[in-house]
PDB file of N, CA and C in Angstrom:
ATOM      1  N   MET A   1      -1.667  -8.438  23.257  1.00  0.00           N
ATOM      2  CA  MET A   1      -0.954  -7.244  23.629  1.00  0.00           C
ATOM      3  C   MET A   1      -1.988  -6.219  24.095  1.00  0.00           C
ATOM      4  N   LYS A   2      -1.850  -5.767  25.316  1.00  0.00           N
ATOM      5  CA  LYS A   2      -2.818  -4.832  25.875  1.00  0.00           C
ATOM      6  C   LYS A   2      -2.560  -3.388  25.457  1.00  0.00           C
ATOM      7  N   ASP A   3      -1.312  -3.048  25.252  1.00  0.00           N
ATOM      8  CA  ASP A   3      -0.997  -1.692  24.807  1.00  0.00           C
ATOM      9  C   ASP A   3       0.316  -1.691  24.041  1.00  0.00           C
ATOM     10  N   PHE A   4       0.643  -0.542  23.483  1.00  0.00           N
ATOM     11  CA  PHE A   4       1.842  -0.406  22.657  1.00  0.00           C
ATOM     12  C   PHE A   4       2.959   0.357  23.364  1.00  0.00           C
ATOM     13  N   MET A   5       2.743   0.718  24.612  1.00  0.00           N
ATOM     14  CA  MET A   5       3.729   1.484  25.370  1.00  0.00           C
ATOM     15  C   MET A   5       5.064   0.739  25.411  1.00  0.00           C
ATOM     16  N   SER A   6       6.122   1.450  25.048  1.00  0.00           N
ATOM     17  CA  SER A   6       7.494   0.931  25.084  1.00  0.00           C
ATOM     18  C   SER A   6       7.754  -0.224  24.125  1.00  0.00           C
ATOM     19  N   LYS A   7       6.891  -0.423  23.167  1.00  0.00           N
ATOM     20  CA  LYS A   7       7.137  -1.411  22.113  1.00  0.00           C
ATOM     21  C   LYS A   7       7.879  -0.707  20.980  1.00  0.00           C
ATOM     22  N   VAL A   8       8.453  -1.494  20.088  1.00  0.00           N
ATOM     23  CA  VAL A   8       9.127  -0.968  18.905  1.00  0.00           C
ATOM     24  C   VAL A   8       8.444  -1.558  17.675  1.00  0.00           C
ATOM     25  N   ALA A   9       7.939  -0.681  16.816  1.00  0.00           N
ATOM     26  CA  ALA A   9       7.253  -1.113  15.603  1.00  0.00           C
ATOM     27  C   ALA A   9       8.014  -0.666  14.370  1.00  0.00           C
ATOM     28  N   VAL A  10       8.209  -1.575  13.439  1.00  0.00           N
ATOM     29  CA  VAL A  10       8.807  -1.284  12.140  1.00  0.00           C
ATOM     30  C   VAL A  10       7.664  -1.197  11.135  1.00  0.00           C
ATOM     31  N   ILE A  11       7.621  -0.100  10.377  1.00  0.00           N
ATOM     32  CA  ILE A  11       6.533   0.120   9.427  1.00  0.00           C
ATOM     33  C   ILE A  11       7.126   0.430   8.055  1.00  0.00           C
ATOM     34  N   THR A  12       6.845  -0.416   7.075  1.00  0.00           N
ATOM     35  CA  THR A  12       7.244  -0.106   5.700  1.00  0.00           C
ATOM     36  C   THR A  12       6.127   0.700   5.046  1.00  0.00           C
ATOM     37  N   GLY A  13       6.482   1.474   4.048  1.00  0.00           N
ATOM     38  CA  GLY A  13       5.499   2.318   3.383  1.00  0.00           C
ATOM     39  C   GLY A  13       4.983   3.419   4.299  1.00  0.00           C
ATOM     40  N   ALA A  14       5.831   3.888   5.206  1.00  0.00           N
ATOM     41  CA  ALA A  14       5.428   4.867   6.222  1.00  0.00           C
ATOM     42  C   ALA A  14       5.507   6.305   5.734  1.00  0.00           C
ATOM     43  N   GLY A  15       5.856   6.511   4.475  1.00  0.00           N
ATOM     44  CA  GLY A  15       5.974   7.869   3.959  1.00  0.00           C
ATOM     45  C   GLY A  15       4.652   8.536   3.653  1.00  0.00           C
ATOM     46  N   SER A  16       3.592   7.761   3.548  1.00  0.00           N
ATOM     47  CA  SER A  16       2.293   8.347   3.209  1.00  0.00           C
ATOM     48  C   SER A  16       1.186   7.347   3.530  1.00  0.00           C
ATOM     49  N   GLY A  17      -0.040   7.809   3.351  1.00  0.00           N
ATOM     50  CA  GLY A  17      -1.203   6.933   3.436  1.00  0.00           C
ATOM     51  C   GLY A  17      -1.339   6.175   4.742  1.00  0.00           C
ATOM     52  N   MET A  18      -1.717   4.907   4.616  1.00  0.00           N
ATOM     53  CA  MET A  18      -1.957   4.078   5.794  1.00  0.00           C
ATOM     54  C   MET A  18      -0.716   3.906   6.656  1.00  0.00           C
ATOM     55  N   GLY A  19       0.452   3.809   6.040  1.00  0.00           N
ATOM     56  CA  GLY A  19       1.685   3.646   6.799  1.00  0.00           C
ATOM     57  C   GLY A  19       1.978   4.858   7.663  1.00  0.00           C
ATOM     58  N   ARG A  20       1.763   6.044   7.110  1.00  0.00           N
ATOM     59  CA  ARG A  20       1.964   7.277   7.878  1.00  0.00           C
ATOM     60  C   ARG A  20       0.966   7.337   9.028  1.00  0.00           C
ATOM     61  N   TYR A  21      -0.291   7.059   8.737  1.00  0.00           N
ATOM     62  CA  TYR A  21      -1.336   7.106   9.755  1.00  0.00           C
ATOM     63  C   TYR A  21      -1.052   6.097  10.871  1.00  0.00           C
ATOM     64  N   LEU A  22      -0.627   4.904  10.492  1.00  0.00           N
ATOM     65  CA  LEU A  22      -0.275   3.879  11.472  1.00  0.00           C
ATOM     66  C   LEU A  22       0.867   4.353  12.364  1.00  0.00           C
ATOM     67  N   ALA A  23       1.892   4.959  11.773  1.00  0.00           N
ATOM     68  CA  ALA A  23       3.025   5.468  12.558  1.00  0.00           C
ATOM     69  C   ALA A  23       2.567   6.495  13.586  1.00  0.00           C
ATOM     70  N   VAL A  24       1.687   7.396  13.178  1.00  0.00           N
ATOM     71  CA  VAL A  24       1.183   8.418  14.094  1.00  0.00           C
ATOM     72  C   VAL A  24       0.354   7.783  15.206  1.00  0.00           C
ATOM     73  N   LEU A  25      -0.526   6.861  14.859  1.00  0.00           N
ATOM     74  CA  LEU A  25      -1.354   6.208  15.879  1.00  0.00           C
ATOM     75  C   LEU A  25      -0.508   5.426  16.880  1.00  0.00           C
ATOM     76  N   LEU A  26       0.490   4.734  16.398  1.00  0.00           N
ATOM     77  CA  LEU A  26       1.362   3.983  17.305  1.00  0.00           C
ATOM     78  C   LEU A  26       2.153   4.927  18.202  1.00  0.00           C
ATOM     79  N   ALA A  27       2.674   6.009  17.628  1.00  0.00           N
ATOM     80  CA  ALA A  27       3.416   6.985  18.435  1.00  0.00           C
ATOM     81  C   ALA A  27       2.511   7.596  19.499  1.00  0.00           C
ATOM     82  N   LYS A  28       1.270   7.903  19.151  1.00  0.00           N
ATOM     83  CA  LYS A  28       0.308   8.429  20.122  1.00  0.00           C
ATOM     84  C   LYS A  28       0.095   7.451  21.268  1.00  0.00           C
ATOM     85  N   SER A  29       0.243   6.160  20.970  1.00  0.00           N
ATOM     86  CA  SER A  29       0.044   5.105  21.967  1.00  0.00           C
ATOM     87  C   SER A  29       1.308   4.796  22.761  1.00  0.00           C
ATOM     88  N   GLY A  30       2.379   5.566  22.525  1.00  0.00           N
ATOM     89  CA  GLY A  30       3.621   5.371  23.264  1.00  0.00           C
ATOM     90  C   GLY A  30       4.582   4.374  22.658  1.00  0.00           C
ATOM     91  N   CYS A  31       4.347   3.991  21.430  1.00  0.00           N
ATOM     92  CA  CYS A  31       5.194   3.014  20.736  1.00  0.00           C
ATOM     93  C   CYS A  31       6.323   3.739  20.012  1.00  0.00           C
ATOM     94  N   ASP A  32       7.557   3.248  20.170  1.00  0.00           N
ATOM     95  CA  ASP A  32       8.668   3.742  19.367  1.00  0.00           C
ATOM     96  C   ASP A  32       8.457   3.239  17.940  1.00  0.00           C
ATOM     97  N   VAL A  33       8.773   4.074  16.969  1.00  0.00           N
ATOM     98  CA  VAL A  33       8.503   3.689  15.586  1.00  0.00           C
ATOM     99  C   VAL A  33       9.736   3.783  14.710  1.00  0.00           C
ATOM    100  N   VAL A  34       9.856   2.804  13.845  1.00  0.00           N
ATOM    101  CA  VAL A  34      10.891   2.741  12.824  1.00  0.00           C
ATOM    102  C   VAL A  34      10.149   2.895  11.507  1.00  0.00           C
ATOM    103  N   ILE A  35      10.319   4.044  10.873  1.00  0.00           N
ATOM    104  CA  ILE A  35       9.583   4.309   9.642  1.00  0.00           C
ATOM    105  C   ILE A  35      10.489   4.079   8.439  1.00  0.00           C
ATOM    106  N   CYS A  36       9.941   3.398   7.445  1.00  0.00           N
ATOM    107  CA  CYS A  36      10.698   3.035   6.251  1.00  0.00           C
ATOM    108  C   CYS A  36       9.881   3.363   5.009  1.00  0.00           C
ATOM    109  N   ASP A  37      10.561   3.900   4.003  1.00  0.00           N
ATOM    110  CA  ASP A  37       9.902   4.184   2.733  1.00  0.00           C
ATOM    111  C   ASP A  37      10.982   4.409   1.681  1.00  0.00           C
ATOM    112  N   VAL A  38      10.630   4.229   0.443  1.00  0.00           N
ATOM    113  CA  VAL A  38      11.562   4.460  -0.656  1.00  0.00           C
ATOM    114  C   VAL A  38      11.680   5.952  -0.979  1.00  0.00           C
ATOM    115  N   ASN A  39      10.676   6.727  -0.586  1.00  0.00           N
ATOM    116  CA  ASN A  39      10.638   8.157  -0.893  1.00  0.00           C
ATOM    117  C   ASN A  39      11.126   8.953   0.323  1.00  0.00           C
ATOM    118  N   GLU A  40      12.321   9.509   0.217  1.00  0.00           N
ATOM    119  CA  GLU A  40      12.911  10.234   1.343  1.00  0.00           C
ATOM    120  C   GLU A  40      12.126  11.493   1.723  1.00  0.00           C
ATOM    121  N   ASP A  41      11.532  12.164   0.753  1.00  0.00           N
ATOM    122  CA  ASP A  41      10.786  13.394   1.042  1.00  0.00           C
ATOM    123  C   ASP A  41       9.544  13.108   1.877  1.00  0.00           C
ATOM    124  N   THR A  42       8.754  12.124   1.465  1.00  0.00           N
ATOM    125  CA  THR A  42       7.553  11.812   2.232  1.00  0.00           C
ATOM    126  C   THR A  42       7.907  11.182   3.573  1.00  0.00           C
ATOM    127  N   LEU A  43       8.989  10.445   3.607  1.00  0.00           N
ATOM    128  CA  LEU A  43       9.463   9.858   4.862  1.00  0.00           C
ATOM    129  C   LEU A  43       9.836  10.958   5.854  1.00  0.00           C
ATOM    130  N   ALA A  44      10.483  12.001   5.366  1.00  0.00           N
ATOM    131  CA  ALA A  44      10.833  13.145   6.216  1.00  0.00           C
ATOM    132  C   ALA A  44       9.575  13.833   6.742  1.00  0.00           C
ATOM    133  N   GLY A  45       8.534  13.874   5.929  1.00  0.00           N
ATOM    134  CA  GLY A  45       7.270  14.454   6.371  1.00  0.00           C
ATOM    135  C   GLY A  45       6.661  13.664   7.514  1.00  0.00           C
ATOM    136  N   THR A  46       6.708  12.361   7.420  1.00  0.00           N
ATOM    137  CA  THR A  46       6.202  11.519   8.509  1.00  0.00           C
ATOM    138  C   THR A  46       7.049  11.715   9.756  1.00  0.00           C
ATOM    139  N   ALA A  47       8.358  11.745   9.591  1.00  0.00           N
ATOM    140  CA  ALA A  47       9.249  11.944  10.746  1.00  0.00           C
ATOM    141  C   ALA A  47       8.950  13.266  11.444  1.00  0.00           C
ATOM    142  N   ALA A  48       8.662  14.299  10.668  1.00  0.00           N
ATOM    143  CA  ALA A  48       8.329  15.597  11.252  1.00  0.00           C
ATOM    144  C   ALA A  48       7.051  15.515  12.079  1.00  0.00           C
ATOM    145  N   MET A  49       6.065  14.783  11.596  1.00  0.00           N
ATOM    146  CA  MET A  49       4.818  14.607  12.349  1.00  0.00           C
ATOM    147  C   MET A  49       5.057  13.891  13.677  1.00  0.00           C
ATOM    148  N   LEU A  50       5.984  12.955  13.672  1.00  0.00           N
ATOM    149  CA  LEU A  50       6.221  12.131  14.854  1.00  0.00           C
ATOM    150  C   LEU A  50       6.982  12.872  15.952  1.00  0.00           C
ATOM    151  N   LYS A  51       7.555  14.024  15.617  1.00  0.00           N
ATOM    152  CA  LYS A  51       8.261  14.819  16.621  1.00  0.00           C
ATOM    153  C   LYS A  51       7.311  15.343  17.695  1.00  0.00           C
ATOM    154  N   ASN A  52       6.013  15.306  17.427  1.00  0.00           N
ATOM    155  CA  ASN A  52       5.023  15.772  18.392  1.00  0.00           C
ATOM    156  C   ASN A  52       4.810  14.790  19.545  1.00  0.00           C
ATOM    157  N   TYR A  53       5.409  13.620  19.474  1.00  0.00           N
ATOM    158  CA  TYR A  53       5.176  12.578  20.472  1.00  0.00           C
ATOM    159  C   TYR A  53       6.488  12.231  21.166  1.00  0.00           C
ATOM    160  N   ASN A  54       6.395  11.825  22.393  1.00  0.00           N
ATOM    161  CA  ASN A  54       7.586  11.522  23.190  1.00  0.00           C
ATOM    162  C   ASN A  54       7.995  10.057  23.009  1.00  0.00           C
ATOM    163  N   VAL A  55       8.362   9.712  21.781  1.00  0.00           N
ATOM    164  CA  VAL A  55       8.788   8.349  21.466  1.00  0.00           C
ATOM    165  C   VAL A  55      10.060   8.411  20.623  1.00  0.00           C
ATOM    166  N   ALA A  56      10.779   7.312  20.630  1.00  0.00           N
ATOM    167  CA  ALA A  56      11.968   7.211  19.775  1.00  0.00           C
ATOM    168  C   ALA A  56      11.523   6.919  18.344  1.00  0.00           C
ATOM    169  N   VAL A  57      12.145   7.608  17.406  1.00  0.00           N
ATOM    170  CA  VAL A  57      11.819   7.435  15.991  1.00  0.00           C
ATOM    171  C   VAL A  57      13.118   7.289  15.212  1.00  0.00           C
ATOM    172  N   SER A  58      13.168   6.302  14.341  1.00  0.00           N
ATOM    173  CA  SER A  58      14.263   6.246  13.378  1.00  0.00           C
ATOM    174  C   SER A  58      13.657   6.122  11.993  1.00  0.00           C
ATOM    175  N   SER A  59      14.345   6.668  11.032  1.00  0.00           N
ATOM    176  CA  SER A  59      13.855   6.757   9.668  1.00  0.00           C
ATOM    177  C   SER A  59      14.847   6.081   8.734  1.00  0.00           C
ATOM    178  N   HIS A  60      14.349   5.233   7.848  1.00  0.00           N
ATOM    179  CA  HIS A  60      15.227   4.486   6.945  1.00  0.00           C
ATOM    180  C   HIS A  60      14.690   4.526   5.523  1.00  0.00           C
ATOM    181  N   LYS A  61      15.511   5.020   4.592  1.00  0.00           N
ATOM    182  CA  LYS A  61      15.147   4.898   3.183  1.00  0.00           C
ATOM    183  C   LYS A  61      15.274   3.419   2.848  1.00  0.00           C
ATOM    184  N   LEU A  62      14.179   2.840   2.358  1.00  0.00           N
ATOM    185  CA  LEU A  62      14.166   1.399   2.137  1.00  0.00           C
ATOM    186  C   LEU A  62      13.312   1.053   0.934  1.00  0.00           C
ATOM    187  N   ASP A  63      13.886   0.312   0.012  1.00  0.00           N
ATOM    188  CA  ASP A  63      13.154  -0.255  -1.107  1.00  0.00           C
ATOM    189  C   ASP A  63      12.863  -1.703  -0.734  1.00  0.00           C
ATOM    190  N   VAL A  64      11.601  -2.022  -0.464  1.00  0.00           N
ATOM    191  CA  VAL A  64      11.278  -3.382  -0.020  1.00  0.00           C
ATOM    192  C   VAL A  64      11.459  -4.414  -1.125  1.00  0.00           C
ATOM    193  N   GLY A  65      11.698  -3.968  -2.336  1.00  0.00           N
ATOM    194  CA  GLY A  65      12.021  -4.883  -3.421  1.00  0.00           C
ATOM    195  C   GLY A  65      13.495  -5.239  -3.475  1.00  0.00           C
ATOM    196  N   ASP A  66      14.293  -4.654  -2.583  1.00  0.00           N
ATOM    197  CA  ASP A  66      15.738  -4.882  -2.523  1.00  0.00           C
ATOM    198  C   ASP A  66      16.040  -5.854  -1.388  1.00  0.00           C
ATOM    199  N   GLU A  67      16.275  -7.100  -1.738  1.00  0.00           N
ATOM    200  CA  GLU A  67      16.471  -8.159  -0.743  1.00  0.00           C
ATOM    201  C   GLU A  67      17.617  -7.861   0.220  1.00  0.00           C
ATOM    202  N   ALA A  68      18.720  -7.332  -0.289  1.00  0.00           N
ATOM    203  CA  ALA A  68      19.866  -7.028   0.579  1.00  0.00           C
ATOM    204  C   ALA A  68      19.506  -5.946   1.600  1.00  0.00           C
ATOM    205  N   ALA A  69      18.753  -4.943   1.172  1.00  0.00           N
ATOM    206  CA  ALA A  69      18.344  -3.871   2.086  1.00  0.00           C
ATOM    207  C   ALA A  69      17.420  -4.410   3.169  1.00  0.00           C
ATOM    208  N   ILE A  70      16.514  -5.306   2.792  1.00  0.00           N
ATOM    209  CA  ILE A  70      15.600  -5.912   3.771  1.00  0.00           C
ATOM    210  C   ILE A  70      16.385  -6.737   4.789  1.00  0.00           C
ATOM    211  N   LYS A  71      17.358  -7.494   4.324  1.00  0.00           N
ATOM    212  CA  LYS A  71      18.145  -8.331   5.234  1.00  0.00           C
ATOM    213  C   LYS A  71      18.999  -7.485   6.183  1.00  0.00           C
ATOM    214  N   ALA A  72      19.394  -6.292   5.757  1.00  0.00           N
ATOM    215  CA  ALA A  72      20.231  -5.423   6.588  1.00  0.00           C
ATOM    216  C   ALA A  72      19.426  -4.641   7.627  1.00  0.00           C
ATOM    217  N   LEU A  73      18.143  -4.479   7.411  1.00  0.00           N
ATOM    218  CA  LEU A  73      17.325  -3.638   8.283  1.00  0.00           C
ATOM    219  C   LEU A  73      17.255  -4.111   9.736  1.00  0.00           C
ATOM    220  N   PRO A  74      17.020  -5.385  10.026  1.00  0.00           N
ATOM    221  CA  PRO A  74      16.897  -5.785  11.439  1.00  0.00           C
ATOM    222  C   PRO A  74      18.096  -5.406  12.299  1.00  0.00           C
ATOM    223  N   GLU A  75      19.288  -5.578  11.773  1.00  0.00           N
ATOM    224  CA  GLU A  75      20.491  -5.228  12.531  1.00  0.00           C
ATOM    225  C   GLU A  75      20.531  -3.729  12.836  1.00  0.00           C
ATOM    226  N   LYS A  76      20.151  -2.917  11.863  1.00  0.00           N
ATOM    227  CA  LYS A  76      20.121  -1.464  12.070  1.00  0.00           C
ATOM    228  C   LYS A  76      19.093  -1.091  13.139  1.00  0.00           C
ATOM    229  N   VAL A  77      17.919  -1.699  13.059  1.00  0.00           N
ATOM    230  CA  VAL A  77      16.854  -1.384  14.008  1.00  0.00           C
ATOM    231  C   VAL A  77      17.254  -1.799  15.417  1.00  0.00           C
ATOM    232  N   ILE A  78      17.792  -2.984  15.561  1.00  0.00           N
ATOM    233  CA  ILE A  78      18.195  -3.465  16.889  1.00  0.00           C
ATOM    234  C   ILE A  78      19.329  -2.615  17.444  1.00  0.00           C
ATOM    235  N   ALA A  79      20.243  -2.168  16.581  1.00  0.00           N
ATOM    236  CA  ALA A  79      21.327  -1.292  17.043  1.00  0.00           C
ATOM    237  C   ALA A  79      20.771   0.025  17.572  1.00  0.00           C
ATOM    238  N   GLN A  80      19.708   0.527  16.966  1.00  0.00           N
ATOM    239  CA  GLN A  80      19.133   1.814  17.367  1.00  0.00           C
ATOM    240  C   GLN A  80      18.092   1.698  18.477  1.00  0.00           C
ATOM    241  N   HIS A  81      17.326   0.624  18.474  1.00  0.00           N
ATOM    242  CA  HIS A  81      16.187   0.507  19.392  1.00  0.00           C
ATOM    243  C   HIS A  81      16.299  -0.656  20.377  1.00  0.00           C
ATOM    244  N   GLY A  82      17.220  -1.557  20.151  1.00  0.00           N
ATOM    245  CA  GLY A  82      17.418  -2.670  21.070  1.00  0.00           C
ATOM    246  C   GLY A  82      16.534  -3.872  20.847  1.00  0.00           C
ATOM    247  N   LYS A  83      15.472  -3.724  20.062  1.00  0.00           N
ATOM    248  CA  LYS A  83      14.549  -4.845  19.848  1.00  0.00           C
ATOM    249  C   LYS A  83      13.568  -4.491  18.735  1.00  0.00           C
ATOM    250  N   VAL A  84      12.797  -5.473  18.324  1.00  0.00           N
ATOM    251  CA  VAL A  84      11.665  -5.289  17.414  1.00  0.00           C
ATOM    252  C   VAL A  84      10.504  -6.080  18.001  1.00  0.00           C
ATOM    253  N   ASP A  85       9.386  -5.403  18.243  1.00  0.00           N
ATOM    254  CA  ASP A  85       8.201  -6.077  18.759  1.00  0.00           C
ATOM    255  C   ASP A  85       7.142  -6.314  17.690  1.00  0.00           C
ATOM    256  N   LEU A  86       7.039  -5.392  16.754  1.00  0.00           N
ATOM    257  CA  LEU A  86       5.981  -5.446  15.742  1.00  0.00           C
ATOM    258  C   LEU A  86       6.549  -5.079  14.384  1.00  0.00           C
ATOM    259  N   VAL A  87       6.074  -5.752  13.349  1.00  0.00           N
ATOM    260  CA  VAL A  87       6.459  -5.414  11.973  1.00  0.00           C
ATOM    261  C   VAL A  87       5.184  -5.272  11.158  1.00  0.00           C
ATOM    262  N   PHE A  88       5.045  -4.129  10.497  1.00  0.00           N
ATOM    263  CA  PHE A  88       3.908  -3.862   9.626  1.00  0.00           C
ATOM    264  C   PHE A  88       4.425  -3.736   8.201  1.00  0.00           C
ATOM    265  N   ASN A  89       4.263  -4.796   7.415  1.00  0.00           N
ATOM    266  CA  ASN A  89       4.682  -4.788   6.011  1.00  0.00           C
ATOM    267  C   ASN A  89       3.589  -4.114   5.193  1.00  0.00           C
ATOM    268  N   ASN A  90       3.609  -2.806   5.210  1.00  0.00           N
ATOM    269  CA  ASN A  90       2.551  -2.000   4.638  1.00  0.00           C
ATOM    270  C   ASN A  90       2.868  -1.496   3.228  1.00  0.00           C
ATOM    271  N   ALA A  91       4.125  -1.493   2.834  1.00  0.00           N
ATOM    272  CA  ALA A  91       4.509  -0.936   1.530  1.00  0.00           C
ATOM    273  C   ALA A  91       3.784  -1.666   0.404  1.00  0.00           C
ATOM    274  N   GLY A  92       3.365  -0.916  -0.586  1.00  0.00           N
ATOM    275  CA  GLY A  92       2.713  -1.510  -1.741  1.00  0.00           C
ATOM    276  C   GLY A  92       2.626  -0.503  -2.872  1.00  0.00           C
ATOM    277  N   ILE A  93       2.632  -1.006  -4.073  1.00  0.00           N
ATOM    278  CA  ILE A  93       2.500  -0.144  -5.252  1.00  0.00           C
ATOM    279  C   ILE A  93       1.503  -0.765  -6.222  1.00  0.00           C
ATOM    280  N   THR A  94       1.111   0.036  -7.173  1.00  0.00           N
ATOM    281  CA  THR A  94       0.272  -0.445  -8.262  1.00  0.00           C
ATOM    282  C   THR A  94       0.753   0.210  -9.556  1.00  0.00           C
ATOM    283  N   ILE A  95       0.474  -0.420 -10.636  1.00  0.00           N
ATOM    284  CA  ILE A  95       0.780   0.118 -11.966  1.00  0.00           C
ATOM    285  C   ILE A  95      -0.564   0.283 -12.677  1.00  0.00           C
ATOM    286  N   ASP A  96      -0.738   1.406 -13.338  1.00  0.00           N
ATOM    287  CA  ASP A  96      -1.999   1.683 -14.012  1.00  0.00           C
ATOM    288  C   ASP A  96      -2.096   0.860 -15.297  1.00  0.00           C
ATOM    289  N   SER A  97      -2.446  -0.409 -15.114  1.00  0.00           N
ATOM    290  CA  SER A  97      -2.569  -1.319 -16.248  1.00  0.00           C
ATOM    291  C   SER A  97      -3.387  -2.523 -15.808  1.00  0.00           C
ATOM    292  N   ASP A  98      -4.140  -3.097 -16.727  1.00  0.00           N
ATOM    293  CA  ASP A  98      -4.804  -4.346 -16.376  1.00  0.00           C
ATOM    294  C   ASP A  98      -3.799  -5.485 -16.491  1.00  0.00           C
ATOM    295  N   PHE A  99      -4.119  -6.576 -15.866  1.00  0.00           N
ATOM    296  CA  PHE A  99      -3.204  -7.710 -15.776  1.00  0.00           C
ATOM    297  C   PHE A  99      -2.745  -8.191 -17.156  1.00  0.00           C
ATOM    298  N   ALA A 100      -3.652  -8.312 -18.088  1.00  0.00           N
ATOM    299  CA  ALA A 100      -3.323  -8.879 -19.399  1.00  0.00           C
ATOM    300  C   ALA A 100      -2.358  -8.018 -20.199  1.00  0.00           C
ATOM    301  N   ASN A 101      -2.357  -6.706 -19.943  1.00  0.00           N
ATOM    302  CA  ASN A 101      -1.522  -5.800 -20.740  1.00  0.00           C
ATOM    303  C   ASN A 101      -0.340  -5.224 -19.985  1.00  0.00           C
ATOM    304  N   MET A 102      -0.113  -5.669 -18.779  1.00  0.00           N
ATOM    305  CA  MET A 102       0.985  -5.125 -17.979  1.00  0.00           C
ATOM    306  C   MET A 102       2.329  -5.647 -18.506  1.00  0.00           C
ATOM    307  N   PRO A 103       3.261  -4.759 -18.820  1.00  0.00           N
ATOM    308  CA  PRO A 103       4.584  -5.199 -19.250  1.00  0.00           C
ATOM    309  C   PRO A 103       5.281  -5.998 -18.140  1.00  0.00           C
ATOM    310  N   GLU A 104       6.039  -6.982 -18.543  1.00  0.00           N
ATOM    311  CA  GLU A 104       6.675  -7.870 -17.561  1.00  0.00           C
ATOM    312  C   GLU A 104       7.546  -7.125 -16.542  1.00  0.00           C
ATOM    313  N   PRO A 105       8.348  -6.109 -16.942  1.00  0.00           N
ATOM    314  CA  PRO A 105       9.127  -5.390 -15.913  1.00  0.00           C
ATOM    315  C   PRO A 105       8.240  -4.724 -14.857  1.00  0.00           C
ATOM    316  N   ASP A 106       7.081  -4.201 -15.276  1.00  0.00           N
ATOM    317  CA  ASP A 106       6.155  -3.604 -14.310  1.00  0.00           C
ATOM    318  C   ASP A 106       5.578  -4.673 -13.389  1.00  0.00           C
ATOM    319  N   TRP A 107       5.205  -5.807 -13.947  1.00  0.00           N
ATOM    320  CA  TRP A 107       4.690  -6.921 -13.150  1.00  0.00           C
ATOM    321  C   TRP A 107       5.710  -7.350 -12.098  1.00  0.00           C
ATOM    322  N   THR A 108       6.959  -7.482 -12.519  1.00  0.00           N
ATOM    323  CA  THR A 108       8.021  -7.889 -11.609  1.00  0.00           C
ATOM    324  C   THR A 108       8.192  -6.871 -10.489  1.00  0.00           C
ATOM    325  N   LYS A 109       8.152  -5.593 -10.813  1.00  0.00           N
ATOM    326  CA  LYS A 109       8.300  -4.550  -9.792  1.00  0.00           C
ATOM    327  C   LYS A 109       7.157  -4.613  -8.781  1.00  0.00           C
ATOM    328  N   VAL A 110       5.928  -4.754  -9.260  1.00  0.00           N
ATOM    329  CA  VAL A 110       4.779  -4.844  -8.346  1.00  0.00           C
ATOM    330  C   VAL A 110       4.923  -6.061  -7.441  1.00  0.00           C
ATOM    331  N   MET A 111       5.305  -7.188  -8.003  1.00  0.00           N
ATOM    332  CA  MET A 111       5.472  -8.403  -7.195  1.00  0.00           C
ATOM    333  C   MET A 111       6.607  -8.267  -6.183  1.00  0.00           C
ATOM    334  N   ASP A 112       7.701  -7.607  -6.557  1.00  0.00           N
ATOM    335  CA  ASP A 112       8.824  -7.412  -5.632  1.00  0.00           C
ATOM    336  C   ASP A 112       8.428  -6.562  -4.441  1.00  0.00           C
ATOM    337  N   VAL A 113       7.635  -5.534  -4.680  1.00  0.00           N
ATOM    338  CA  VAL A 113       7.245  -4.623  -3.593  1.00  0.00           C
ATOM    339  C   VAL A 113       6.091  -5.212  -2.783  1.00  0.00           C
ATOM    340  N   ASN A 114       5.081  -5.673  -3.482  1.00  0.00           N
ATOM    341  CA  ASN A 114       3.879  -6.130  -2.782  1.00  0.00           C
ATOM    342  C   ASN A 114       4.047  -7.504  -2.192  1.00  0.00           C
TER     343      ASN A 114
END
């Protein structure tokens, strides 16, 4: 791929950190962006940043640990953008615990998201 102009990128974990930065860089490159995050407040912050660029943006509250929500996303994106060219599975979490002492529900949550 020589450039991102007129492509559509789906980015999970786009509410902050690397996902937010990736969304901005892609938008600067002319790529339409679909930003997804579980945190609506930080997601809104990313969406506000993207208004500075002349690209299509859609925002989706999404828990990547929710299988039904993940399965529903492609249809929503295609309805809004007509296609998907790139997917960045960037969402990730950590729990402040070492492996040996991590409670099983926390382990399951980390595995579901990551």
